C-alpha cells in the first residue's frame, strides 16, 4: 500500500507543479500590470516603469516563456522568502502566504470536515428513507443550496445575524474580520475567534454538505441493492448492522475521491466568503491579485490551492486504501 500511496503522491505533486506553471504563463499572457503605473500625474517615465516591472520579473516587453523560465529559475535558486517573487505591493509572496494561510485554513478545515460528515449522514439517511418526507425535505434543501451562490448565502447569514443582534440588543454574533482587535487573554481571544468563525463556517459547511449529500445518496442507493447486503441479512445480521458495517463502508469508497476533488470547490467558495466577512486570507489575496493584474501573487495563490488539493487527494488515497482491501495488494 505504501508504494501505491507514494506513486499517487508523486503524480499529484507533478500535477501541482504543472498547474502552477500554466497559471503563471496564462497570467503573464493576459494580465497587464503596466496599467498600474500609467495615467499618473506627473507621469512615470517608461524607462522607470520597465525597471520596476523587470524587478518583479513581469515586464511585458520580455517574452512570456523567458519570464516563466526566470520565475522557475528563481524558485530553484533563490532563498525561501524570495522563491515566488514579490507582489506589486513589494511584499514577498511566500511571506504573504504564510501570514494568510492560517486564516484561510481555519475556515477551510472546519468547513470541509463539517460539510463531509453532515453530507455523508444526510446522504445515507436519504437513501435509507428513500421517498419518505425526510428524504424529500433534505433533497429540496440540497437543491436550493446547490443552486444558490456561496456569497449570497453569506450575505443572508449576515442579515440574519444582524437582526438577531438587534433583537437581543447585544453584539452577540460578530462577523467582520477574523477577530476583534483589543481583546486580550487566551480564553477571551479563543471565544472571540470562535464567534467570528461561526457564520462563514456555517455557510461553507451547508453549501458543501448539499453536494456531498446528493452524491452519497446516489452511491448508497446502489449499495443497498447489492448482493452482499442481502447475504449479510440472510446470515442473520440486522438491517442496521448490515448497512453500517457493509453498506456505508463500501459507499464511502467513491466518496473519498469525490471529497478530494470537491475540496477545490470549497476553496473557491471560501474565497468569496473571505471577501464578504473581511477575512485577510488566501482567497482575498487571490481575488486582489486578479483585480490588480498581479502575476506573482496569483501564481502563489494557485500554488497554495494546488498544495491543499495535493494533500487532500493523498489523504483520500489513504482512506480509499483503508476502505478497499484490493488496493493494498
Protein backbone atom coordinates (compact mmCIF):
# COMPACT_ATOMS: atom_id res chain seq x y z
CA UNK A 1 0.00 0.00 0.00
CA UNK A 2 2.91 2.34 0.74
CA UNK A 3 4.19 2.15 -2.83
CA UNK A 4 0.68 2.82 -4.14
CA UNK A 5 0.29 5.93 -1.97
CA UNK A 6 3.79 7.10 -2.93
CA UNK A 7 3.07 6.75 -6.66
CA UNK A 8 -0.16 8.69 -6.32
CA UNK A 9 1.57 11.40 -4.28
CA UNK A 10 4.25 11.83 -6.96
CA UNK A 11 1.56 12.08 -9.66
CA UNK A 12 -0.33 14.73 -7.69
CA UNK A 13 2.90 16.64 -7.00
CA UNK A 14 3.69 16.76 -10.73
CA UNK A 15 0.17 18.00 -11.48
CA UNK A 16 0.55 20.66 -8.77
CA UNK A 17 3.76 21.96 -10.33
CA UNK A 18 2.28 21.93 -13.85
CA UNK A 19 -0.88 23.74 -12.72
CA UNK A 20 1.16 26.49 -11.05
CA UNK A 21 3.41 26.95 -14.09
CA UNK A 22 0.47 27.05 -16.52
CA UNK A 23 -1.31 29.65 -14.38
CA UNK A 24 1.85 31.77 -14.33
CA UNK A 25 2.06 31.57 -18.14
CA UNK A 26 -1.64 32.42 -18.53
CA UNK A 27 -1.44 35.35 -16.09
CA UNK A 28 1.72 36.66 -17.76
CA UNK A 29 -0.02 36.47 -21.12
CA UNK A 30 -3.33 38.13 -20.26
CA UNK A 31 -2.54 40.41 -17.31
CA UNK A 32 -1.35 43.95 -17.95
CA UNK A 33 0.46 45.11 -14.78
CA UNK A 34 1.89 48.11 -16.64
CA UNK A 35 -1.55 49.72 -16.35
CA UNK A 36 -0.91 50.19 -12.63
CA UNK A 37 1.75 52.83 -13.41
CA UNK A 38 0.06 54.56 -16.35
CA UNK A 39 -2.02 57.74 -16.12
CA UNK A 40 -0.12 59.12 -13.13
CA UNK A 41 0.27 62.86 -12.64
CA UNK A 42 3.10 63.61 -13.07
CA UNK A 43 3.59 60.66 -15.47
CA UNK A 44 6.16 58.00 -14.65
CA UNK A 45 8.84 57.66 -17.36
CA UNK A 46 8.57 54.49 -19.41
CA UNK A 47 12.12 53.51 -18.53
CA UNK A 48 11.24 53.67 -14.84
CA UNK A 49 8.14 51.53 -15.40
CA UNK A 50 10.26 48.98 -17.29
CA UNK A 51 12.76 48.93 -14.44
CA UNK A 52 10.04 48.36 -11.83
CA UNK A 53 8.35 45.57 -13.79
CA UNK A 54 11.69 43.92 -14.57
CA UNK A 55 12.46 43.91 -10.86
CA UNK A 56 9.26 41.96 -10.28
CA UNK A 57 10.03 39.71 -13.26
CA UNK A 58 6.79 40.67 -15.03
CA UNK A 59 7.89 43.14 -17.71
CA UNK A 60 5.51 42.55 -20.63
CA UNK A 61 8.26 43.59 -23.07
CA UNK A 62 10.10 40.34 -22.29
CA UNK A 63 8.80 37.14 -23.93
CA UNK A 64 6.36 35.14 -21.79
CA UNK A 65 8.38 31.93 -21.90
CA UNK A 66 11.53 33.81 -20.93
CA UNK A 67 9.75 35.35 -17.94
CA UNK A 68 8.45 31.90 -17.00
CA UNK A 69 11.96 30.47 -17.17
CA UNK A 70 13.28 33.25 -14.92
CA UNK A 71 10.44 32.55 -12.48
CA UNK A 72 11.22 28.82 -12.36
CA UNK A 73 14.92 29.58 -12.01
CA UNK A 74 14.16 31.88 -9.06
CA UNK A 75 12.16 29.12 -7.37
CA UNK A 76 15.13 26.76 -7.65
CA UNK A 77 17.97 29.12 -6.74
CA UNK A 78 16.63 31.93 -4.51
CA UNK A 79 16.28 31.64 -0.71
CA UNK A 80 12.90 30.59 0.64
CA UNK A 81 11.32 34.04 1.24
CA UNK A 82 12.01 35.12 -2.37
CA UNK A 83 11.25 31.90 -4.25
CA UNK A 84 7.84 33.03 -5.53
CA UNK A 85 8.93 36.63 -6.05
CA UNK A 86 7.22 39.76 -4.74
CA UNK A 87 3.72 41.06 -5.34
CA UNK A 88 3.00 44.56 -6.60
CA UNK A 89 2.92 45.80 -3.01
CA UNK A 90 6.58 44.72 -2.79
CA UNK A 91 5.74 42.02 -0.24
CA UNK A 92 7.33 38.58 -0.57
CA UNK A 93 4.62 36.24 -1.89
CA UNK A 94 5.71 33.38 0.38
CA UNK A 95 5.56 35.68 3.42
CA UNK A 96 2.03 36.69 2.44
CA UNK A 97 1.08 33.02 2.03
CA UNK A 98 2.43 32.14 5.47
CA UNK A 99 0.61 35.04 7.11
CA UNK A 100 -2.69 34.44 5.31
CA UNK A 101 -2.73 30.62 5.10
CA UNK A 102 -3.57 30.19 8.77
CA UNK A 103 -6.60 32.46 8.37
CA UNK A 104 -7.89 30.50 5.39
CA UNK A 105 -7.18 27.10 6.91
CA UNK A 106 -9.28 27.93 9.96
CA UNK A 107 -12.26 28.29 7.68
CA UNK A 108 -11.39 25.53 5.20
CA UNK A 109 -10.63 22.78 7.70
CA UNK A 110 -13.64 23.41 9.90
CA UNK A 111 -16.00 23.92 6.97
CA UNK A 112 -14.80 20.93 4.94
CA UNK A 113 -14.86 18.47 7.86
CA UNK A 114 -18.33 19.51 8.97
CA UNK A 115 -19.57 19.51 5.36
CA UNK A 116 -18.24 16.00 4.71
CA UNK A 117 -19.66 14.49 7.91
CA UNK A 118 -23.02 16.21 7.55
CA UNK A 119 -23.24 15.37 3.85
CA UNK A 120 -22.49 11.67 4.41
CA UNK A 121 -25.02 11.39 7.24
CA UNK A 122 -27.76 13.13 5.25
CA UNK A 123 -26.95 11.13 2.12
CA UNK A 124 -27.13 7.79 3.92
CA UNK A 125 -30.28 8.88 5.74
CA UNK A 126 -31.92 9.91 2.46
CA UNK A 127 -31.03 6.63 0.76
CA UNK A 128 -32.31 4.50 3.63
CA UNK A 129 -35.54 6.51 3.79
CA UNK A 130 -35.93 6.96 0.05
CA UNK A 131 -39.03 8.98 -0.98
CA UNK A 132 -40.06 9.49 2.65
CA UNK A 133 -40.85 13.01 3.87
CA UNK A 134 -37.42 13.43 5.47
CA UNK A 135 -35.70 12.43 2.22
CA UNK A 136 -37.80 14.90 0.25
CA UNK A 137 -37.01 17.74 2.67
CA UNK A 138 -33.26 17.04 2.51
CA UNK A 139 -33.38 16.76 -1.29
CA UNK A 140 -35.22 20.05 -1.81
CA UNK A 141 -33.00 21.86 0.69
CA UNK A 142 -29.87 20.47 -1.02
CA UNK A 143 -31.03 21.56 -4.47
CA UNK A 144 -31.79 25.07 -3.19
CA UNK A 145 -28.32 25.36 -1.61
CA UNK A 146 -26.56 23.96 -4.68
CA UNK A 147 -28.29 26.49 -6.94
CA UNK A 148 -27.51 29.43 -4.60
CA UNK A 149 -24.17 31.24 -4.96
CA UNK A 150 -21.98 30.99 -1.88
CA UNK A 151 -21.69 34.76 -1.43
CA UNK A 152 -25.50 35.06 -1.41
CA UNK A 153 -25.66 32.60 1.46
CA UNK A 154 -23.02 34.60 3.32
CA UNK A 155 -24.97 37.84 2.91
CA UNK A 156 -28.19 36.15 4.09
CA UNK A 157 -26.42 34.87 7.20
CA UNK A 158 -25.11 38.37 7.88
CA UNK A 159 -28.62 39.80 7.63
CA UNK A 160 -29.98 37.13 9.99
CA UNK A 161 -27.14 37.73 12.46
CA UNK A 162 -27.74 41.49 12.35
CA UNK A 163 -31.46 41.02 13.04
CA UNK A 164 -30.61 38.66 15.91
CA UNK A 165 -28.19 41.18 17.42
CA UNK A 166 -30.79 43.94 17.11
CA UNK A 167 -33.43 41.74 18.74
CA UNK A 168 -31.19 40.90 21.70
CA UNK A 169 -29.75 44.39 22.00
CA UNK A 170 -26.20 43.00 22.16
CA UNK A 171 -23.45 42.25 19.67
CA UNK A 172 -23.76 38.50 20.24
CA UNK A 173 -22.60 37.41 16.77
CA UNK A 174 -19.64 39.27 15.29
CA UNK A 175 -18.85 38.58 11.67
CA UNK A 176 -16.50 41.32 10.43
CA UNK A 177 -12.92 40.12 10.29
CA UNK A 178 -11.36 37.02 11.82
CA UNK A 179 -11.11 38.53 15.31
CA UNK A 180 -11.92 41.65 17.34
CA UNK A 181 -8.87 43.90 17.96
CA UNK A 182 -8.08 44.77 21.55
CA UNK A 183 -9.28 41.56 23.22
CA UNK A 184 -6.63 40.05 25.49
CA UNK A 185 -6.35 36.74 27.32
CA UNK A 186 -6.33 33.22 25.92
CA UNK A 187 -9.94 32.24 26.59
CA UNK A 188 -11.49 35.60 25.61
CA UNK A 189 -9.49 35.53 22.36
CA UNK A 190 -10.49 31.92 21.69
CA UNK A 191 -14.16 32.69 22.25
CA UNK A 192 -13.94 35.78 20.06
CA UNK A 193 -12.34 33.85 17.18
CA UNK A 194 -14.99 31.15 17.53
CA UNK A 195 -17.76 33.74 17.23
CA UNK A 196 -16.16 35.28 14.13
CA UNK A 197 -15.69 31.81 12.63
CA UNK A 198 -19.33 30.82 13.18
CA UNK A 199 -21.11 32.36 10.19
CA UNK A 200 -18.53 31.65 7.43
CA UNK A 201 -18.14 28.08 8.70
CA UNK A 202 -21.90 27.56 8.64
CA UNK A 203 -22.09 28.92 5.10
CA UNK A 204 -19.22 26.77 3.82
CA UNK A 205 -20.45 23.66 5.64
CA UNK A 206 -24.03 23.97 4.38
CA UNK A 207 -23.09 24.51 0.76
CA UNK A 208 -20.52 21.72 0.87
CA UNK A 209 -22.87 19.29 2.63
CA UNK A 210 -25.53 19.88 -0.03
CA UNK A 211 -23.29 18.47 -2.77
CA UNK A 212 -21.92 15.66 -0.61
CA UNK A 213 -25.41 14.50 0.41
CA UNK A 214 -26.59 14.21 -3.21
CA UNK A 215 -23.55 12.17 -4.19
CA UNK A 216 -23.62 9.99 -1.07
CA UNK A 217 -27.34 9.29 -1.50
CA UNK A 218 -26.84 8.12 -5.10
CA UNK A 219 -23.93 5.86 -4.15
CA UNK A 220 -25.75 4.46 -1.13
CA UNK A 221 -28.81 3.59 -3.22
CA UNK A 222 -26.60 1.48 -5.49
CA UNK A 223 -25.11 -0.27 -2.46
CA UNK A 224 -28.50 -1.05 -0.89
CA UNK A 225 -29.38 -3.27 -3.83
CA UNK A 226 -26.10 -5.20 -3.74
CA UNK A 227 -25.85 -8.93 -3.15
CA UNK A 228 -23.55 -8.62 -0.14
CA UNK A 229 -26.21 -6.67 1.77
CA UNK A 230 -28.78 -9.38 1.13
CA UNK A 231 -26.22 -12.05 2.06
CA UNK A 232 -25.46 -10.30 5.35
CA UNK A 233 -29.18 -10.10 6.14
CA UNK A 234 -29.64 -13.76 5.23
CA UNK A 235 -26.88 -14.71 7.68
CA UNK A 236 -28.82 -13.06 10.50
CA UNK A 237 -27.38 -9.55 10.57
CA UNK A 238 -29.83 -6.83 11.48
CA UNK A 239 -30.67 -4.21 8.89
CA UNK A 240 -28.79 -1.52 10.81
CA UNK A 241 -25.71 -3.73 11.27
CA UNK A 242 -25.65 -4.68 7.59
CA UNK A 243 -25.99 -1.08 6.49
CA UNK A 244 -23.37 0.34 8.86
CA UNK A 245 -20.73 -2.41 8.65
CA UNK A 246 -21.04 -3.29 4.98
CA UNK A 247 -23.13 -0.72 3.13
CA UNK A 248 -21.74 2.56 4.44
CA UNK A 249 -18.14 1.36 4.23
CA UNK A 250 -18.49 0.43 0.55
CA UNK A 251 -20.40 3.63 -0.22
CA UNK A 252 -17.61 5.73 1.32
CA UNK A 253 -15.03 4.42 -1.19
CA UNK A 254 -16.07 6.67 -4.12
CA UNK A 255 -16.96 9.40 -1.63
CA UNK A 256 -13.32 9.68 -0.55
CA UNK A 257 -12.26 10.52 -4.11
CA UNK A 258 -15.17 12.90 -4.56
CA UNK A 259 -14.18 14.74 -1.37
CA UNK A 260 -10.63 15.32 -2.61
CA UNK A 261 -11.71 16.93 -5.87
CA UNK A 262 -14.66 18.77 -4.35
CA UNK A 263 -12.21 20.38 -1.94
CA UNK A 264 -11.36 22.77 -4.78
CA UNK A 265 -14.97 23.96 -4.75
CA UNK A 266 -14.70 24.68 -1.04
CA UNK A 267 -11.53 26.67 -1.69
CA UNK A 268 -13.25 28.84 -4.29
CA UNK A 269 -16.31 29.22 -2.08
CA UNK A 270 -14.18 30.33 0.85
CA UNK A 271 -12.54 32.98 -1.33
CA UNK A 272 -15.84 34.84 -1.73
CA UNK A 273 -16.70 34.32 1.94
CA UNK A 274 -13.37 35.88 2.93
CA UNK A 275 -14.29 38.98 0.94
CA UNK A 276 -17.80 39.16 2.42
CA UNK A 277 -16.67 38.62 6.01
CA UNK A 278 -13.46 40.70 5.63
CA UNK A 279 -11.04 37.87 6.33
CA UNK A 280 -7.46 38.59 5.23
CA UNK A 281 -6.92 35.07 3.87
CA UNK A 282 -5.61 33.49 0.69
CA UNK A 283 -8.94 33.79 -1.08
CA UNK A 284 -8.97 37.55 -0.61
CA UNK A 285 -5.33 37.68 -1.71
CA UNK A 286 -6.12 35.78 -4.92
CA UNK A 287 -9.06 37.99 -5.84
CA UNK A 288 -6.97 41.11 -5.22
CA UNK A 289 -4.24 39.62 -7.42
CA UNK A 290 -6.70 39.29 -10.32
CA UNK A 291 -8.05 42.81 -9.80
CA UNK A 292 -4.54 44.30 -9.77
CA UNK A 293 -3.08 42.08 -12.54
CA UNK A 294 -0.53 40.80 -10.03
CA UNK A 295 1.12 37.80 -11.73
CA UNK A 296 3.32 36.67 -8.86
CA UNK A 297 0.55 36.93 -6.27
CA UNK A 298 -1.86 34.91 -8.41
CA UNK A 299 0.75 32.23 -9.09
CA UNK A 300 1.42 31.98 -5.34
CA UNK A 301 -2.30 31.70 -4.59
CA UNK A 302 -2.75 28.92 -7.14
CA UNK A 303 0.33 27.15 -5.76
CA UNK A 304 -1.20 27.28 -2.26
CA UNK A 305 -4.53 25.93 -3.53
CA UNK A 306 -2.82 23.20 -5.54
CA UNK A 307 -0.83 22.09 -2.49
CA UNK A 308 -4.06 21.85 -0.48
CA UNK A 309 -5.54 19.70 -3.23
CA UNK A 310 -2.36 17.63 -3.26
CA UNK A 311 -2.69 16.96 0.47
CA UNK A 312 -6.43 16.24 0.31
CA UNK A 313 -6.00 13.94 -2.70
CA UNK A 314 -3.24 12.00 -0.94
CA UNK A 315 -5.38 11.64 2.18
CA UNK A 316 -8.26 10.42 0.02
CA UNK A 317 -5.98 7.75 -1.44
CA UNK A 318 -5.04 6.64 2.08
CA UNK A 319 -8.73 6.46 3.01
CA UNK A 320 -9.51 4.65 -0.23
CA UNK A 321 -6.85 2.04 0.56
CA UNK A 322 -8.15 1.66 4.11
CA UNK A 323 -11.72 1.09 2.90
CA UNK A 324 -10.92 -1.14 -0.09
CA UNK A 325 -8.54 -4.04 0.71
CA UNK A 326 -7.97 -4.70 -3.01
CA UNK A 327 -5.88 -1.52 -3.27
CA UNK A 328 -3.43 -2.82 -0.68
CA UNK A 329 -2.41 -5.76 -2.84
